[in-house]
Protein backbone atom coordinates (compact mmCIF):
# COMPACT_ATOMS: atom_id res chain seq x y z
CA MET A 1 -103.94 237.48 50.70
CA THR A 2 -102.45 234.23 49.11
CA ALA A 3 -102.13 231.07 50.44
CA PRO A 4 -98.61 229.95 51.51
CA ARG A 5 -96.89 228.17 48.96
CA SER A 6 -95.11 224.53 49.82
CA THR A 7 -93.47 222.43 47.31
CA PRO A 8 -95.09 219.09 47.47
CA ARG A 9 -93.07 216.03 47.44
CA ALA A 10 -92.41 212.53 49.19
CA SER A 11 -92.80 212.89 52.73
CA GLU A 12 -90.82 210.80 55.14
CA LEU A 13 -93.02 209.71 58.21
CA PHE A 14 -92.48 206.66 60.77
CA GLY A 15 -89.33 205.78 59.22
CA VAL A 16 -90.84 205.37 55.65
CA THR A 17 -91.48 207.39 52.52
CA PHE A 18 -95.02 208.41 51.45
CA GLN A 19 -95.18 209.07 47.91
CA ASN A 20 -97.41 212.53 48.30
CA PRO A 21 -98.49 213.84 51.78
CA VAL A 22 -102.34 213.20 50.93
CA LEU A 23 -104.10 210.38 52.82
CA LEU A 24 -107.73 209.60 52.80
CA ALA A 25 -109.21 210.05 56.65
CA SER A 26 -110.39 207.68 58.65
CA GLY A 27 -114.08 206.85 57.84
CA THR A 28 -113.82 208.22 54.27
CA ALA A 29 -113.66 205.07 52.55
CA GLY A 30 -113.99 202.09 54.83
CA PHE A 31 -111.18 199.87 54.16
CA GLY A 32 -110.51 201.06 50.31
CA ARG A 33 -112.22 198.53 48.20
CA GLU A 34 -115.40 200.58 49.01
CA VAL A 35 -113.84 203.29 46.21
CA ARG A 36 -111.56 201.22 44.23
CA ASP A 37 -114.03 201.75 40.97
CA VAL A 38 -114.13 205.52 41.56
CA ILE A 39 -110.67 206.45 42.34
CA ASP A 40 -107.00 204.86 42.26
CA LEU A 41 -106.03 204.51 45.90
CA ASP A 42 -101.94 203.89 44.89
CA ALA A 43 -101.97 207.61 43.52
CA LEU A 44 -102.54 208.72 47.27
CA GLY A 45 -99.94 208.98 49.85
CA GLY A 46 -102.09 206.30 51.67
CA ILE A 47 -105.25 205.39 53.40
CA VAL A 48 -106.23 205.64 57.04
CA THR A 49 -109.04 202.88 57.48
CA LYS A 50 -112.35 203.10 59.29
CA ALA A 51 -112.07 202.55 62.87
CA VAL A 52 -111.41 198.98 64.11
CA THR A 53 -113.23 197.39 67.57
CA PRO A 54 -112.57 194.04 68.60
CA GLU A 55 -116.58 193.32 68.13
CA PRO A 56 -118.45 194.36 65.24
CA ARG A 57 -120.54 197.42 65.66
CA ARG A 58 -123.64 198.39 63.96
CA GLY A 59 -123.39 202.07 64.79
CA HIS A 60 -125.95 204.61 65.82
CA ALA A 61 -129.39 204.60 64.45
CA ALA A 62 -130.19 206.80 61.16
CA PRO A 63 -129.92 209.16 59.92
CA ARG A 64 -126.33 209.60 60.53
CA VAL A 65 -125.17 212.29 58.44
CA ALA A 66 -126.95 215.87 58.40
CA GLU A 67 -125.43 218.67 56.02
CA PHE A 68 -125.29 222.28 56.75
CA PRO A 69 -123.59 225.60 55.05
CA GLY A 70 -120.32 225.17 56.96
CA GLY A 71 -119.95 221.26 56.30
CA MET A 72 -121.49 218.16 57.95
CA LEU A 73 -122.73 216.54 61.19
CA ASN A 74 -122.37 213.00 61.58
CA ALA A 75 -123.21 210.30 64.04
CA VAL A 76 -122.12 206.98 62.63
CA GLY A 77 -121.08 205.48 65.70
CA LEU A 78 -118.14 203.52 64.78
CA ALA A 79 -119.94 201.14 62.80
CA ASN A 80 -117.18 198.34 61.36
CA PRO A 81 -117.35 194.60 60.68
CA GLY A 82 -114.93 194.18 63.81
CA LEU A 83 -111.48 193.08 64.47
CA ALA A 84 -111.64 189.18 62.87
CA THR A 85 -113.03 190.34 59.78
CA VAL A 86 -110.83 193.39 59.28
CA ARG A 87 -107.92 191.23 60.18
CA ASP A 88 -108.94 188.03 57.76
CA HIS A 89 -110.60 190.19 54.93
CA GLU A 90 -110.03 193.83 54.74
CA LEU A 91 -106.12 193.96 55.55
CA PRO A 92 -105.53 191.29 53.18
CA TRP A 93 -107.14 192.83 50.31
CA LEU A 94 -105.13 195.93 50.74
CA ALA A 95 -102.02 194.25 51.00
CA THR A 96 -103.20 192.53 47.44
CA HIS A 97 -104.14 195.59 45.85
CA LEU A 98 -101.99 198.37 46.81
CA ARG A 99 -98.49 199.08 45.66
CA ARG A 100 -97.40 202.37 46.75
CA ALA A 101 -100.24 204.01 48.89
CA ARG A 102 -99.51 203.19 52.88
CA VAL A 103 -102.10 201.95 55.10
CA ILE A 104 -103.00 203.38 58.67
CA VAL A 105 -105.30 201.32 60.90
CA ASN A 106 -107.73 203.77 63.19
CA VAL A 107 -108.42 201.77 66.39
CA ALA A 108 -111.15 202.66 68.67
CA GLY A 109 -112.88 200.85 71.64
CA ALA A 110 -114.66 201.47 75.22
CA THR A 111 -111.95 200.62 77.32
CA VAL A 112 -108.01 200.78 77.12
CA ASP A 113 -108.07 197.04 76.62
CA ASP A 114 -110.08 197.25 73.80
CA TYR A 115 -107.66 199.29 71.70
CA VAL A 116 -104.53 196.82 72.99
CA ALA A 117 -106.70 193.91 71.94
CA VAL A 118 -106.89 195.37 68.27
CA ILE A 119 -103.24 196.29 68.17
CA ARG A 120 -101.65 193.16 69.43
CA ASP A 121 -103.58 191.06 67.09
CA LEU A 122 -102.89 193.18 64.03
CA ALA A 123 -99.49 194.39 64.68
CA ASP A 124 -97.79 191.37 63.16
CA LEU A 125 -99.25 192.14 59.75
CA ALA A 126 -96.58 193.94 57.11
CA VAL A 127 -99.17 195.96 55.12
CA ILE A 128 -99.62 198.28 58.43
CA THR A 129 -97.37 201.30 58.19
CA ALA A 130 -98.68 202.58 61.50
CA PHE A 131 -102.12 202.72 64.05
CA GLU A 132 -103.93 205.59 64.30
CA LEU A 133 -105.56 205.93 68.07
CA ASN A 134 -109.01 207.62 68.08
CA ALA A 135 -108.55 209.44 71.41
CA SER A 136 -111.98 210.96 71.05
CA CYS A 137 -114.21 207.70 72.21
CA PRO A 138 -116.11 207.69 75.27
CA ASN A 139 -114.09 205.61 77.91
CA THR A 140 -116.56 203.83 79.76
CA SER A 141 -114.23 202.68 82.39
CA ALA A 142 -114.05 206.63 83.02
CA GLY A 143 -117.49 207.26 83.15
CA GLY A 144 -117.81 208.36 79.46
CA LEU A 145 -115.24 210.80 79.73
CA GLU A 146 -113.44 210.88 76.29
CA PHE A 147 -109.68 209.10 76.32
CA GLY A 148 -108.16 212.28 74.85
CA ALA A 149 -109.75 214.81 77.59
CA THR A 150 -107.46 214.63 79.98
CA PRO A 151 -103.57 214.10 80.31
CA GLU A 152 -104.18 210.92 82.48
CA GLY A 153 -106.52 209.62 80.08
CA VAL A 154 -104.08 210.07 76.83
CA ARG A 155 -101.02 208.82 79.28
CA GLU A 156 -102.94 205.50 79.83
CA LEU A 157 -103.85 205.05 76.31
CA VAL A 158 -100.78 205.73 74.43
CA ARG A 159 -98.59 203.81 77.25
CA ARG A 160 -100.27 200.91 76.77
CA CYS A 161 -100.90 200.79 73.15
CA ARG A 162 -97.13 201.68 72.92
CA GLY A 163 -96.35 198.46 75.13
CA ALA A 164 -98.61 196.36 72.69
CA THR A 165 -96.68 196.95 69.40
CA THR A 166 -93.19 198.01 67.91
CA LYS A 167 -94.98 199.78 64.99
CA PRO A 168 -95.35 203.66 64.95
CA ILE A 169 -98.47 205.38 66.67
CA THR A 170 -100.41 208.39 66.12
CA VAL A 171 -102.92 209.93 68.58
CA LYS A 172 -105.74 211.67 66.70
CA LEU A 173 -107.00 214.43 69.20
CA SER A 174 -109.87 216.52 69.56
CA PRO A 175 -109.42 220.22 69.61
CA VAL A 176 -112.23 220.91 72.07
CA VAL A 177 -109.86 220.43 74.92
CA PRO A 178 -108.18 223.24 77.13
CA ASP A 179 -104.63 222.36 76.35
CA LEU A 180 -103.96 220.53 72.77
CA THR A 181 -100.42 221.19 73.10
CA ALA A 182 -99.98 219.84 76.68
CA LEU A 183 -102.09 216.44 75.67
CA ALA A 184 -99.53 216.31 72.47
CA GLN A 185 -96.60 216.41 74.78
CA VAL A 186 -98.13 213.61 77.07
CA ALA A 187 -98.34 211.39 73.78
CA ARG A 188 -95.21 212.37 73.03
CA ASP A 189 -93.37 211.43 76.04
CA GLU A 190 -95.48 208.22 76.47
CA GLY A 191 -94.04 207.02 72.96
CA ALA A 192 -96.44 208.43 70.35
CA ASP A 193 -94.58 209.06 66.88
CA ALA A 194 -96.92 211.72 65.68
CA VAL A 195 -100.40 213.03 66.34
CA THR A 196 -103.54 213.63 63.83
CA LEU A 197 -105.18 217.04 64.49
CA VAL A 198 -108.01 217.25 64.60
CA ASN A 199 -110.94 215.22 65.14
CA THR A 200 -114.51 216.53 64.64
CA ILE A 201 -116.09 218.70 67.45
CA PRO A 202 -119.24 218.18 69.20
CA GLY A 203 -122.70 219.51 67.51
CA ALA A 204 -126.15 219.16 67.18
CA LEU A 205 -129.06 220.11 64.75
CA ASP A 206 -132.53 219.58 65.96
CA HIS A 207 -134.22 216.26 64.96
CA ARG A 208 -131.35 215.99 61.91
CA LEU A 209 -129.88 212.79 63.61
CA GLY A 210 -130.73 209.69 64.76
CA ASN A 211 -128.29 209.88 67.87
CA GLY A 212 -129.26 213.47 68.60
CA SER A 213 -125.94 214.82 68.52
CA GLY A 214 -122.50 214.13 66.50
CA GLY A 215 -119.25 215.47 65.31
CA VAL A 216 -118.86 218.21 63.01
CA SER A 217 -116.55 218.22 60.17
CA GLY A 218 -116.13 220.06 56.58
CA PRO A 219 -114.50 223.26 55.86
CA ALA A 220 -115.23 224.83 59.30
CA LEU A 221 -112.69 222.84 60.82
CA LEU A 222 -109.93 224.27 58.48
CA PRO A 223 -108.46 227.10 60.34
CA LEU A 224 -108.97 224.92 63.56
CA GLY A 225 -106.94 222.19 62.39
CA VAL A 226 -104.18 224.72 60.84
CA LEU A 227 -104.19 226.64 64.42
CA ALA A 228 -103.84 223.05 66.18
CA THR A 229 -100.88 221.96 63.93
CA ARG A 230 -99.10 225.21 64.08
CA ARG A 231 -99.05 224.90 67.85
CA VAL A 232 -98.12 221.56 68.46
CA THR A 233 -95.21 221.64 65.85
CA ALA A 234 -94.05 224.79 67.44
CA ARG A 235 -94.54 224.31 71.04
CA VAL A 236 -93.96 220.32 71.01
CA GLY A 237 -91.63 219.53 67.97
CA MET A 238 -93.53 216.21 67.12
CA PRO A 239 -94.93 215.33 63.79
CA VAL A 240 -98.37 216.15 62.45
CA ILE A 241 -101.00 214.65 60.23
CA GLY A 242 -103.23 217.78 59.52
CA VAL A 243 -107.18 216.92 59.05
CA GLY A 244 -110.26 219.15 58.87
CA GLY A 245 -111.39 221.41 56.51
CA ILE A 246 -109.38 220.19 53.30
CA ARG A 247 -110.95 220.68 49.88
CA THR A 248 -108.36 221.89 47.72
CA ALA A 249 -104.37 222.05 47.11
CA ARG A 250 -104.76 225.54 48.50
CA ASP A 251 -106.14 224.00 51.89
CA VAL A 252 -103.32 221.27 51.92
CA ARG A 253 -100.61 223.98 51.72
CA GLU A 254 -102.30 225.51 54.52
CA TYR A 255 -101.30 222.96 56.66
CA LEU A 256 -97.72 222.02 55.20
CA ALA A 257 -97.12 225.60 55.85
CA ALA A 258 -98.04 225.35 59.51
CA GLY A 259 -95.78 222.47 59.75
CA ALA A 260 -97.87 218.94 59.04
CA THR A 261 -95.90 216.28 57.18
CA LEU A 262 -98.93 214.66 55.88
CA VAL A 263 -102.69 215.67 55.43
CA ALA A 264 -105.81 213.75 55.32
CA ILE A 265 -109.21 214.46 53.53
CA GLY A 266 -112.17 212.90 55.08
CA THR A 267 -115.66 215.20 54.35
CA ALA A 268 -114.83 216.15 51.18
CA ALA A 269 -114.13 213.07 49.97
CA LEU A 270 -117.35 211.89 51.27
CA ALA A 271 -119.02 214.33 49.05
CA ASP A 272 -116.99 213.46 46.09
CA PRO A 273 -114.65 210.30 46.39
CA ARG A 274 -112.10 211.80 43.52
CA VAL A 275 -111.27 214.82 45.48
CA PRO A 276 -107.99 213.40 47.35
CA GLU A 277 -107.14 212.19 43.75
CA ARG A 278 -107.48 215.60 42.28
CA VAL A 279 -105.53 217.29 45.02
CA ALA A 280 -102.71 215.03 44.90
CA ARG A 281 -102.10 215.41 41.35
CA GLU A 282 -102.29 219.23 41.42
CA LEU A 283 -100.15 219.25 44.41
CA ALA A 284 -97.52 216.90 42.01
CA ARG A 285 -97.94 219.89 39.31
CA GLY A 286 -96.72 222.33 41.90
């Protein structure tokens, strides 16, 4: 059976044009400068930055990554330089070096107030096209339950973040929930402009990670992400950024055929940073 064909073209989302549908997923290339000598970032539709928290984070103990035949297990722990450094150094670098690729900032935290603090401090920066809320973070105020695990958690997170900015918001959801479409509906009702589907799923390999467990990503996520995209676009009718398991232009077309507006490449770009640019060029050739 051949993969569905979809004609790649400039994509419209958040009221702006993305020159092509290919993004670098959050965590793939830090804040862009890390891969500037390897790929042409401006050949992509955009970049989703590494997660930003109010405070700098060192992340989990090493080892942080373990490969297995179906993909990768990672427990980075949201390591990042913190809000002040991102605002004063990382985002200005992107503003200076990008001409066509869009910038989406991934936001994370231990409390809703953390998300709001990051968004409020960055909302005035013109380089930012949208914010992506990492709803898979443990909410310390809820006893460690992930923000995106319940309708109530999604509702509070999106409502508070929506009140902090007029910039577009997409919510990155985990597929390991009882009803993903219901959570997407809540996000839309509270003002989210899109959802990013899907985040990693929990997994463990004995003595392979310093943290003990982590998130599964890579090829094994492809059918999960495509199915989630299909269901949310059909039942909720909101835009989707498809992510999970993308390695080739064929994989991108699977997501586009399922209804995704944009796609993001993550694990494949860690293995080979040139993959996103190659995929974008292949899509442009039709």
